[in-house]
Amino acid sequence: MIKLFITDLDGCVTDPFTTPDWDAFSRIRELNLESQNNPLIPPLTICTGRPMPYAEAMAQILGIELPFIFESGGGMYDVIKNDLIWNPCLSKEREVEIQELKKWGRKIISDKYPSSIPEFAKHTDIGFINPDTSVIEQIFKEAEELIGNGFEAFEVHSTPVSVNIILKDANKGKGIRMLCEYLGLDLEEVAYIGDSSGDVPGLKIVKAAFAPNNAAKVAKDVAEVVQENSTQGVLEAYRKIIERNKAL
């Protein structure tokens, strides 16, 4: 039985630069709250590449009381205990490299692509947001070239509106493992929905992997694709999980 449903944010619960589908959003929240009294409904939490403050705000809106993963797998925040837990791979050496990458981002990316927004609140990785997909593609190419020259501990992922340079040992697969160990759950008891290359490590390790219909092909290739996009897709996956739990 699935005892935990984890969702990505951008491209799943929300669409960046777009007003949320509040009806679907509210229904996801309602199901999460119902999980407190119905063991067939798994509680909801988050695994996102976004920084902690954004993830915390989304968790509050969705009524999430479980710990959640932010910065892909860089950190975990326990909402109830108010504990912030960093991935153990974040060594002093890695922190120095992260600062070097941030300097590169401020000097090169911000100057060349001034419409891009650096995610300043991030601690364990480097992120850029831009509504222009063609700009994102250029930043992705430059980021890949950069880490190929002396930053072997890192990897690059992108969505249509963002680029993230993350630690290889702090991807979403590592983040979900860290969360499950903390909660005492087996990966066979977990479902996850994601839409981009950064979600693939997480999708590959859980019992039930889903991708919304708007997901990138790399995510669809390793997950069950639902018919709906984004928020409606998350709601559809949530309902499928509940129905399968009931059938057991």
C-alpha atoms as a PDB file:
ATOM      1  CA  MET A   1       0.000   0.000   0.000  1.00  0.00           C
ATOM      2  CA  ILE A   2       1.169   3.524  -0.753  1.00  0.00           C
ATOM      3  CA  LYS A   3       1.641   5.411   2.516  1.00  0.00           C
ATOM      4  CA  LEU A   4       3.131   8.633   1.166  1.00  0.00           C
ATOM      5  CA  PHE A   5       2.525  10.704  -1.973  1.00  0.00           C
ATOM      6  CA  ILE A   6       5.323  13.101  -2.928  1.00  0.00           C
ATOM      7  CA  THR A   7       4.864  15.788  -5.553  1.00  0.00           C
ATOM      8  CA  ASP A   8       7.173  18.085  -7.430  1.00  0.00           C
ATOM      9  CA  LEU A   9       6.023  21.721  -7.617  1.00  0.00           C
ATOM     10  CA  ASP A  10       6.821  23.495 -10.899  1.00  0.00           C
ATOM     11  CA  GLY A  11       5.087  21.770 -13.789  1.00  0.00           C
ATOM     12  CA  CYS A  12       3.073  19.642 -11.369  1.00  0.00           C
ATOM     13  CA  VAL A  13       1.238  21.406  -8.549  1.00  0.00           C
ATOM     14  CA  THR A  14       1.884  24.769 -10.180  1.00  0.00           C
ATOM     15  CA  ASP A  15       2.778  26.226 -13.569  1.00  0.00           C
ATOM     16  CA  PRO A  16       5.391  28.993 -13.259  1.00  0.00           C
ATOM     17  CA  PHE A  17       4.225  32.467 -14.296  1.00  0.00           C
ATOM     18  CA  THR A  18       0.629  31.214 -14.447  1.00  0.00           C
ATOM     19  CA  THR A  19      -2.277  31.610 -12.019  1.00  0.00           C
ATOM     20  CA  PRO A  20      -2.809  28.270 -10.238  1.00  0.00           C
ATOM     21  CA  ASP A  21      -5.751  26.008 -10.969  1.00  0.00           C
ATOM     22  CA  TRP A  22      -7.319  26.786  -7.607  1.00  0.00           C
ATOM     23  CA  ASP A  23     -10.111  24.195  -7.902  1.00  0.00           C
ATOM     24  CA  ALA A  24      -7.669  21.319  -8.427  1.00  0.00           C
ATOM     25  CA  PHE A  25      -5.263  22.846  -5.912  1.00  0.00           C
ATOM     26  CA  SER A  26      -7.988  22.958  -3.270  1.00  0.00           C
ATOM     27  CA  ARG A  27      -9.036  19.368  -3.943  1.00  0.00           C
ATOM     28  CA  ILE A  28      -5.437  18.156  -3.524  1.00  0.00           C
ATOM     29  CA  ARG A  29      -5.329  19.982  -0.198  1.00  0.00           C
ATOM     30  CA  GLU A  30      -8.640  18.408   0.840  1.00  0.00           C
ATOM     31  CA  LEU A  31      -7.379  14.899   0.076  1.00  0.00           C
ATOM     32  CA  ASN A  32      -4.220  15.561   2.049  1.00  0.00           C
ATOM     33  CA  LEU A  33      -6.253  16.714   5.046  1.00  0.00           C
ATOM     34  CA  GLU A  34      -8.584  13.705   4.712  1.00  0.00           C
ATOM     35  CA  SER A  35      -5.521  11.434   4.981  1.00  0.00           C
ATOM     36  CA  GLN A  36      -5.406  12.222   8.712  1.00  0.00           C
ATOM     37  CA  ASN A  37      -8.574  10.178   9.228  1.00  0.00           C
ATOM     38  CA  ASN A  38      -8.434   7.711   6.348  1.00  0.00           C
ATOM     39  CA  PRO A  39      -5.468   5.285   6.137  1.00  0.00           C
ATOM     40  CA  LEU A  40      -6.274   4.536   2.483  1.00  0.00           C
ATOM     41  CA  ILE A  41      -5.400   8.113   1.558  1.00  0.00           C
ATOM     42  CA  PRO A  42      -1.642   8.723   1.787  1.00  0.00           C
ATOM     43  CA  PRO A  43      -0.544  12.077   3.167  1.00  0.00           C
ATOM     44  CA  LEU A  44       1.112  14.506   0.797  1.00  0.00           C
ATOM     45  CA  THR A  45       4.530  16.124   0.855  1.00  0.00           C
ATOM     46  CA  ILE A  46       6.906  17.899  -1.531  1.00  0.00           C
ATOM     47  CA  CYS A  47      10.208  17.258  -3.298  1.00  0.00           C
ATOM     48  CA  THR A  48      11.177  20.345  -5.280  1.00  0.00           C
ATOM     49  CA  GLY A  49      14.184  22.054  -6.761  1.00  0.00           C
ATOM     50  CA  ARG A  50      12.908  25.348  -5.400  1.00  0.00           C
ATOM     51  CA  PRO A  51      14.455  26.952  -2.290  1.00  0.00           C
ATOM     52  CA  MET A  52      13.143  26.332   1.204  1.00  0.00           C
ATOM     53  CA  PRO A  53      11.025  29.515   1.669  1.00  0.00           C
ATOM     54  CA  TYR A  54       9.047  28.849  -1.523  1.00  0.00           C
ATOM     55  CA  ALA A  55       8.534  25.188  -0.617  1.00  0.00           C
ATOM     56  CA  GLU A  56       7.463  26.119   2.920  1.00  0.00           C
ATOM     57  CA  ALA A  57       4.840  28.538   1.597  1.00  0.00           C
ATOM     58  CA  MET A  58       3.464  25.877  -0.750  1.00  0.00           C
ATOM     59  CA  ALA A  59       3.436  23.325   2.070  1.00  0.00           C
ATOM     60  CA  GLN A  60       1.356  25.667   4.212  1.00  0.00           C
ATOM     61  CA  ILE A  61      -1.150  26.250   1.415  1.00  0.00           C
ATOM     62  CA  LEU A  62      -1.501  22.503   0.812  1.00  0.00           C
ATOM     63  CA  GLY A  63      -1.889  21.689   4.517  1.00  0.00           C
ATOM     64  CA  ILE A  64       1.326  19.643   4.585  1.00  0.00           C
ATOM     65  CA  GLU A  65       2.629  18.780   8.040  1.00  0.00           C
ATOM     66  CA  LEU A  66       5.224  16.201   7.021  1.00  0.00           C
ATOM     67  CA  PRO A  67       8.854  17.081   6.306  1.00  0.00           C
ATOM     68  CA  PHE A  68       9.549  18.123   2.711  1.00  0.00           C
ATOM     69  CA  ILE A  69      12.570  18.180   0.411  1.00  0.00           C
ATOM     70  CA  PHE A  70      13.843  21.393  -1.179  1.00  0.00           C
ATOM     71  CA  GLU A  71      16.717  22.236  -3.543  1.00  0.00           C
ATOM     72  CA  SER A  72      16.155  18.802  -5.128  1.00  0.00           C
ATOM     73  CA  GLY A  73      17.831  16.860  -2.336  1.00  0.00           C
ATOM     74  CA  GLY A  74      19.982  19.533  -0.786  1.00  0.00           C
ATOM     75  CA  GLY A  75      17.881  19.977   2.308  1.00  0.00           C
ATOM     76  CA  MET A  76      14.872  18.782   4.280  1.00  0.00           C
ATOM     77  CA  TYR A  77      12.618  20.825   6.535  1.00  0.00           C
ATOM     78  CA  ASP A  78      10.566  19.267   9.344  1.00  0.00           C
ATOM     79  CA  VAL A  79       7.508  21.510   9.598  1.00  0.00           C
ATOM     80  CA  ILE A  80       6.395  20.306  13.038  1.00  0.00           C
ATOM     81  CA  LYS A  81       9.805  20.244  14.737  1.00  0.00           C
ATOM     82  CA  ASN A  82      11.043  23.337  12.890  1.00  0.00           C
ATOM     83  CA  ASP A  83      14.233  21.435  12.048  1.00  0.00           C
ATOM     84  CA  LEU A  84      16.321  22.202   8.986  1.00  0.00           C
ATOM     85  CA  ILE A  85      18.414  19.205   7.882  1.00  0.00           C
ATOM     86  CA  TRP A  86      21.083  19.514   5.196  1.00  0.00           C
ATOM     87  CA  ASN A  87      22.261  16.715   2.935  1.00  0.00           C
ATOM     88  CA  PRO A  88      25.498  15.300   4.437  1.00  0.00           C
ATOM     89  CA  CYS A  89      27.246  15.605   1.068  1.00  0.00           C
ATOM     90  CA  LEU A  90      27.381  19.373   1.614  1.00  0.00           C
ATOM     91  CA  SER A  91      31.035  19.519   2.722  1.00  0.00           C
ATOM     92  CA  LYS A  92      33.221  22.602   3.121  1.00  0.00           C
ATOM     93  CA  GLU A  93      34.834  21.772  -0.220  1.00  0.00           C
ATOM     94  CA  ARG A  94      31.463  21.619  -1.945  1.00  0.00           C
ATOM     95  CA  GLU A  95      30.367  24.881  -0.299  1.00  0.00           C
ATOM     96  CA  VAL A  96      33.429  26.617  -1.766  1.00  0.00           C
ATOM     97  CA  GLU A  97      32.563  25.266  -5.227  1.00  0.00           C
ATOM     98  CA  ILE A  98      28.956  26.408  -4.862  1.00  0.00           C
ATOM     99  CA  GLN A  99      30.133  29.938  -4.116  1.00  0.00           C
ATOM    100  CA  GLU A 100      32.361  29.820  -7.203  1.00  0.00           C
ATOM    101  CA  LEU A 101      29.394  28.737  -9.306  1.00  0.00           C
ATOM    102  CA  LYS A 102      27.267  31.524  -7.872  1.00  0.00           C
ATOM    103  CA  LYS A 103      29.949  34.060  -8.801  1.00  0.00           C
ATOM    104  CA  TRP A 104      29.940  32.672 -12.333  1.00  0.00           C
ATOM    105  CA  GLY A 105      26.170  33.010 -12.414  1.00  0.00           C
ATOM    106  CA  ARG A 106      26.234  36.614 -11.271  1.00  0.00           C
ATOM    107  CA  LYS A 107      29.044  37.564 -13.645  1.00  0.00           C
ATOM    108  CA  ILE A 108      28.177  35.624 -16.792  1.00  0.00           C
ATOM    109  CA  ILE A 109      24.509  34.664 -16.755  1.00  0.00           C
ATOM    110  CA  SER A 110      23.099  37.840 -15.247  1.00  0.00           C
ATOM    111  CA  ASP A 111      25.106  39.998 -17.675  1.00  0.00           C
ATOM    112  CA  LYS A 112      24.377  37.958 -20.813  1.00  0.00           C
ATOM    113  CA  TYR A 113      20.753  37.170 -20.014  1.00  0.00           C
ATOM    114  CA  PRO A 114      19.495  40.108 -17.897  1.00  0.00           C
ATOM    115  CA  SER A 115      15.897  38.875 -17.975  1.00  0.00           C
ATOM    116  CA  SER A 116      16.950  35.801 -15.960  1.00  0.00           C
ATOM    117  CA  ILE A 117      16.247  35.641 -12.232  1.00  0.00           C
ATOM    118  CA  PRO A 118      18.893  33.958 -10.051  1.00  0.00           C
ATOM    119  CA  GLU A 119      17.419  32.002  -7.147  1.00  0.00           C
ATOM    120  CA  PHE A 120      19.360  33.838  -4.449  1.00  0.00           C
ATOM    121  CA  ALA A 121      17.733  31.965  -1.553  1.00  0.00           C
ATOM    122  CA  LYS A 122      19.342  28.667  -2.542  1.00  0.00           C
ATOM    123  CA  HIS A 123      22.083  27.248  -0.341  1.00  0.00           C
ATOM    124  CA  THR A 124      23.173  23.950  -1.920  1.00  0.00           C
ATOM    125  CA  ASP A 125      22.739  24.631  -5.638  1.00  0.00           C
ATOM    126  CA  ILE A 126      22.512  27.345  -8.270  1.00  0.00           C
ATOM    127  CA  GLY A 127      19.279  28.126 -10.079  1.00  0.00           C
ATOM    128  CA  PHE A 128      18.083  30.511 -12.784  1.00  0.00           C
ATOM    129  CA  ILE A 129      14.525  31.226 -13.880  1.00  0.00           C
ATOM    130  CA  ASN A 130      13.449  32.729 -17.196  1.00  0.00           C
ATOM    131  CA  PRO A 131      10.060  32.578 -18.959  1.00  0.00           C
ATOM    132  CA  ASP A 132      11.816  32.390 -22.353  1.00  0.00           C
ATOM    133  CA  THR A 133      12.557  28.726 -23.114  1.00  0.00           C
ATOM    134  CA  SER A 134      15.150  29.651 -25.759  1.00  0.00           C
ATOM    135  CA  VAL A 135      17.139  31.560 -23.115  1.00  0.00           C
ATOM    136  CA  ILE A 136      16.878  28.588 -20.751  1.00  0.00           C
ATOM    137  CA  GLU A 137      18.318  26.356 -23.464  1.00  0.00           C
ATOM    138  CA  GLN A 138      21.321  28.673 -23.857  1.00  0.00           C
ATOM    139  CA  ILE A 139      21.932  28.863 -20.105  1.00  0.00           C
ATOM    140  CA  PHE A 140      21.685  25.062 -19.892  1.00  0.00           C
ATOM    141  CA  LYS A 141      24.385  24.662 -22.564  1.00  0.00           C
ATOM    142  CA  GLU A 142      26.716  27.108 -20.816  1.00  0.00           C
ATOM    143  CA  ALA A 143      26.120  25.422 -17.439  1.00  0.00           C
ATOM    144  CA  GLU A 144      26.890  21.977 -18.874  1.00  0.00           C
ATOM    145  CA  GLU A 145      30.116  23.283 -20.402  1.00  0.00           C
ATOM    146  CA  LEU A 146      31.112  24.888 -17.116  1.00  0.00           C
ATOM    147  CA  ILE A 147      30.674  21.823 -14.902  1.00  0.00           C
ATOM    148  CA  GLY A 148      32.575  19.753 -17.426  1.00  0.00           C
ATOM    149  CA  ASN A 149      35.624  21.835 -16.586  1.00  0.00           C
ATOM    150  CA  GLY A 150      36.413  21.206 -12.949  1.00  0.00           C
ATOM    151  CA  PHE A 151      33.040  20.785 -11.261  1.00  0.00           C
ATOM    152  CA  GLU A 152      32.629  17.000 -11.512  1.00  0.00           C
ATOM    153  CA  ALA A 153      30.581  16.800  -8.290  1.00  0.00           C
ATOM    154  CA  PHE A 154      27.712  18.645  -9.977  1.00  0.00           C
ATOM    155  CA  GLU A 155      25.090  17.972 -12.639  1.00  0.00           C
ATOM    156  CA  VAL A 156      22.718  20.215 -14.600  1.00  0.00           C
ATOM    157  CA  HIS A 157      18.956  19.869 -15.016  1.00  0.00           C
ATOM    158  CA  SER A 158      16.404  22.080 -16.710  1.00  0.00           C
ATOM    159  CA  THR A 159      12.684  22.689 -17.083  1.00  0.00           C
ATOM    160  CA  PRO A 160      11.098  24.930 -19.742  1.00  0.00           C
ATOM    161  CA  VAL A 161      11.606  27.908 -17.400  1.00  0.00           C
ATOM    162  CA  SER A 162      14.592  27.051 -15.194  1.00  0.00           C
ATOM    163  CA  VAL A 163      18.129  25.679 -15.011  1.00  0.00           C
ATOM    164  CA  ASN A 164      19.546  24.102 -11.862  1.00  0.00           C
ATOM    165  CA  ILE A 165      23.142  23.136 -11.161  1.00  0.00           C
ATOM    166  CA  ILE A 166      22.959  20.650  -8.312  1.00  0.00           C
ATOM    167  CA  LEU A 167      25.250  18.306  -6.428  1.00  0.00           C
ATOM    168  CA  LYS A 168      25.090  14.791  -7.871  1.00  0.00           C
ATOM    169  CA  ASP A 169      24.698  13.413  -4.357  1.00  0.00           C
ATOM    170  CA  ALA A 170      21.819  15.806  -3.648  1.00  0.00           C
ATOM    171  CA  ASN A 171      19.466  14.981  -6.504  1.00  0.00           C
ATOM    172  CA  LYS A 172      15.799  14.109  -6.028  1.00  0.00           C
ATOM    173  CA  GLY A 173      16.521  10.398  -5.712  1.00  0.00           C
ATOM    174  CA  LYS A 174      18.859  11.105  -2.797  1.00  0.00           C
ATOM    175  CA  GLY A 175      16.348  13.558  -1.365  1.00  0.00           C
ATOM    176  CA  ILE A 176      13.495  11.067  -1.423  1.00  0.00           C
ATOM    177  CA  ARG A 177      15.709   8.413   0.181  1.00  0.00           C
ATOM    178  CA  MET A 178      16.678  10.878   2.910  1.00  0.00           C
ATOM    179  CA  LEU A 179      13.010  11.725   3.523  1.00  0.00           C
ATOM    180  CA  CYS A 180      11.912   8.073   3.655  1.00  0.00           C
ATOM    181  CA  GLU A 181      14.709   7.129   6.058  1.00  0.00           C
ATOM    182  CA  TYR A 182      13.706  10.038   8.284  1.00  0.00           C
ATOM    183  CA  LEU A 183      10.051   8.928   8.261  1.00  0.00           C
ATOM    184  CA  GLY A 184      10.815   5.212   8.570  1.00  0.00           C
ATOM    185  CA  LEU A 185       9.156   4.381   5.251  1.00  0.00           C
ATOM    186  CA  ASP A 186      10.177   1.865   2.620  1.00  0.00           C
ATOM    187  CA  LEU A 187      10.444   3.129  -0.959  1.00  0.00           C
ATOM    188  CA  GLU A 188       7.880   0.443  -1.856  1.00  0.00           C
ATOM    189  CA  GLU A 189       5.365   2.484   0.167  1.00  0.00           C
ATOM    190  CA  VAL A 190       5.927   5.726  -1.735  1.00  0.00           C
ATOM    191  CA  ALA A 191       4.529   7.395  -4.863  1.00  0.00           C
ATOM    192  CA  TYR A 192       6.067  10.364  -6.643  1.00  0.00           C
ATOM    193  CA  ILE A 193       4.992  12.623  -9.504  1.00  0.00           C
ATOM    194  CA  GLY A 194       7.464  14.738 -11.497  1.00  0.00           C
ATOM    195  CA  ASP A 195       7.760  16.327 -14.904  1.00  0.00           C
ATOM    196  CA  SER A 196      11.420  17.017 -15.799  1.00  0.00           C
ATOM    197  CA  SER A 197      14.890  15.488 -16.046  1.00  0.00           C
ATOM    198  CA  GLY A 198      15.585  16.468 -12.453  1.00  0.00           C
ATOM    199  CA  ASP A 199      12.707  14.253 -11.316  1.00  0.00           C
ATOM    200  CA  VAL A 200      13.981  11.100 -13.019  1.00  0.00           C
ATOM    201  CA  PRO A 201      16.231   9.929 -10.115  1.00  0.00           C
ATOM    202  CA  GLY A 202      13.198  10.124  -7.815  1.00  0.00           C
ATOM    203  CA  LEU A 203      10.773   8.533 -10.257  1.00  0.00           C
ATOM    204  CA  LYS A 204      13.091   5.550 -10.736  1.00  0.00           C
ATOM    205  CA  ILE A 205      13.247   4.520  -7.078  1.00  0.00           C
ATOM    206  CA  VAL A 206       9.647   4.707  -5.821  1.00  0.00           C
ATOM    207  CA  LYS A 207       6.934   2.068  -6.033  1.00  0.00           C
ATOM    208  CA  ALA A 208       4.485   4.237  -8.000  1.00  0.00           C
ATOM    209  CA  ALA A 209       5.926   6.838 -10.382  1.00  0.00           C
ATOM    210  CA  PHE A 210       3.696   9.302 -12.228  1.00  0.00           C
ATOM    211  CA  ALA A 211       4.197  12.064 -14.764  1.00  0.00           C
ATOM    212  CA  PRO A 212       1.611  14.650 -15.825  1.00  0.00           C
ATOM    213  CA  ASN A 213       0.743  14.819 -19.500  1.00  0.00           C
ATOM    214  CA  ASN A 214       2.811  18.016 -19.884  1.00  0.00           C
ATOM    215  CA  ALA A 215       5.986  16.304 -18.624  1.00  0.00           C
ATOM    216  CA  ALA A 216       9.227  16.054 -20.576  1.00  0.00           C
ATOM    217  CA  LYS A 217       9.835  12.795 -22.431  1.00  0.00           C
ATOM    218  CA  VAL A 218      12.634  11.761 -20.047  1.00  0.00           C
ATOM    219  CA  ALA A 219      10.134  11.791 -17.161  1.00  0.00           C
ATOM    220  CA  LYS A 220       7.402  10.073 -19.161  1.00  0.00           C
ATOM    221  CA  ASP A 221       9.807   7.291 -20.105  1.00  0.00           C
ATOM    222  CA  VAL A 222      10.169   6.171 -16.461  1.00  0.00           C
ATOM    223  CA  ALA A 223       6.669   6.864 -15.124  1.00  0.00           C
ATOM    224  CA  GLU A 224       2.996   6.178 -15.613  1.00  0.00           C
ATOM    225  CA  VAL A 225       1.668   9.115 -17.594  1.00  0.00           C
ATOM    226  CA  VAL A 226      -1.687  10.496 -16.459  1.00  0.00           C
ATOM    227  CA  GLN A 227      -4.061  12.167 -18.903  1.00  0.00           C
ATOM    228  CA  GLU A 228      -4.174  15.604 -17.294  1.00  0.00           C
ATOM    229  CA  ASN A 229      -1.572  18.373 -17.136  1.00  0.00           C
ATOM    230  CA  SER A 230       0.055  19.978 -14.103  1.00  0.00           C
ATOM    231  CA  THR A 231      -2.294  20.459 -11.115  1.00  0.00           C
ATOM    232  CA  GLN A 232      -5.063  18.370 -12.623  1.00  0.00           C
ATOM    233  CA  GLY A 233      -2.471  15.677 -13.327  1.00  0.00           C
ATOM    234  CA  VAL A 234      -1.376  15.617  -9.686  1.00  0.00           C
ATOM    235  CA  LEU A 235      -5.015  15.320  -8.619  1.00  0.00           C
ATOM    236  CA  GLU A 236      -5.560  12.488 -11.111  1.00  0.00           C
ATOM    237  CA  ALA A 237      -2.487  10.625  -9.803  1.00  0.00           C
ATOM    238  CA  TYR A 238      -3.630  11.140  -6.186  1.00  0.00           C
ATOM    239  CA  ARG A 239      -7.018   9.623  -6.995  1.00  0.00           C
ATOM    240  CA  LYS A 240      -5.393   6.663  -8.778  1.00  0.00           C
ATOM    241  CA  ILE A 241      -3.254   5.947  -5.722  1.00  0.00           C
ATOM    242  CA  ILE A 242      -6.284   6.035  -3.424  1.00  0.00           C
ATOM    243  CA  GLU A 243      -8.267   3.708  -5.668  1.00  0.00           C
ATOM    244  CA  ARG A 244      -5.375   1.237  -5.826  1.00  0.00           C
ATOM    245  CA  ASN A 245      -5.004   1.325  -2.047  1.00  0.00           C
ATOM    246  CA  LYS A 246      -8.712   0.550  -1.731  1.00  0.00           C
ATOM    247  CA  ALA A 247      -8.362  -2.411  -4.085  1.00  0.00           C
ATOM    248  CA  LEU A 248      -5.676  -4.084  -1.955  1.00  0.00           C
END
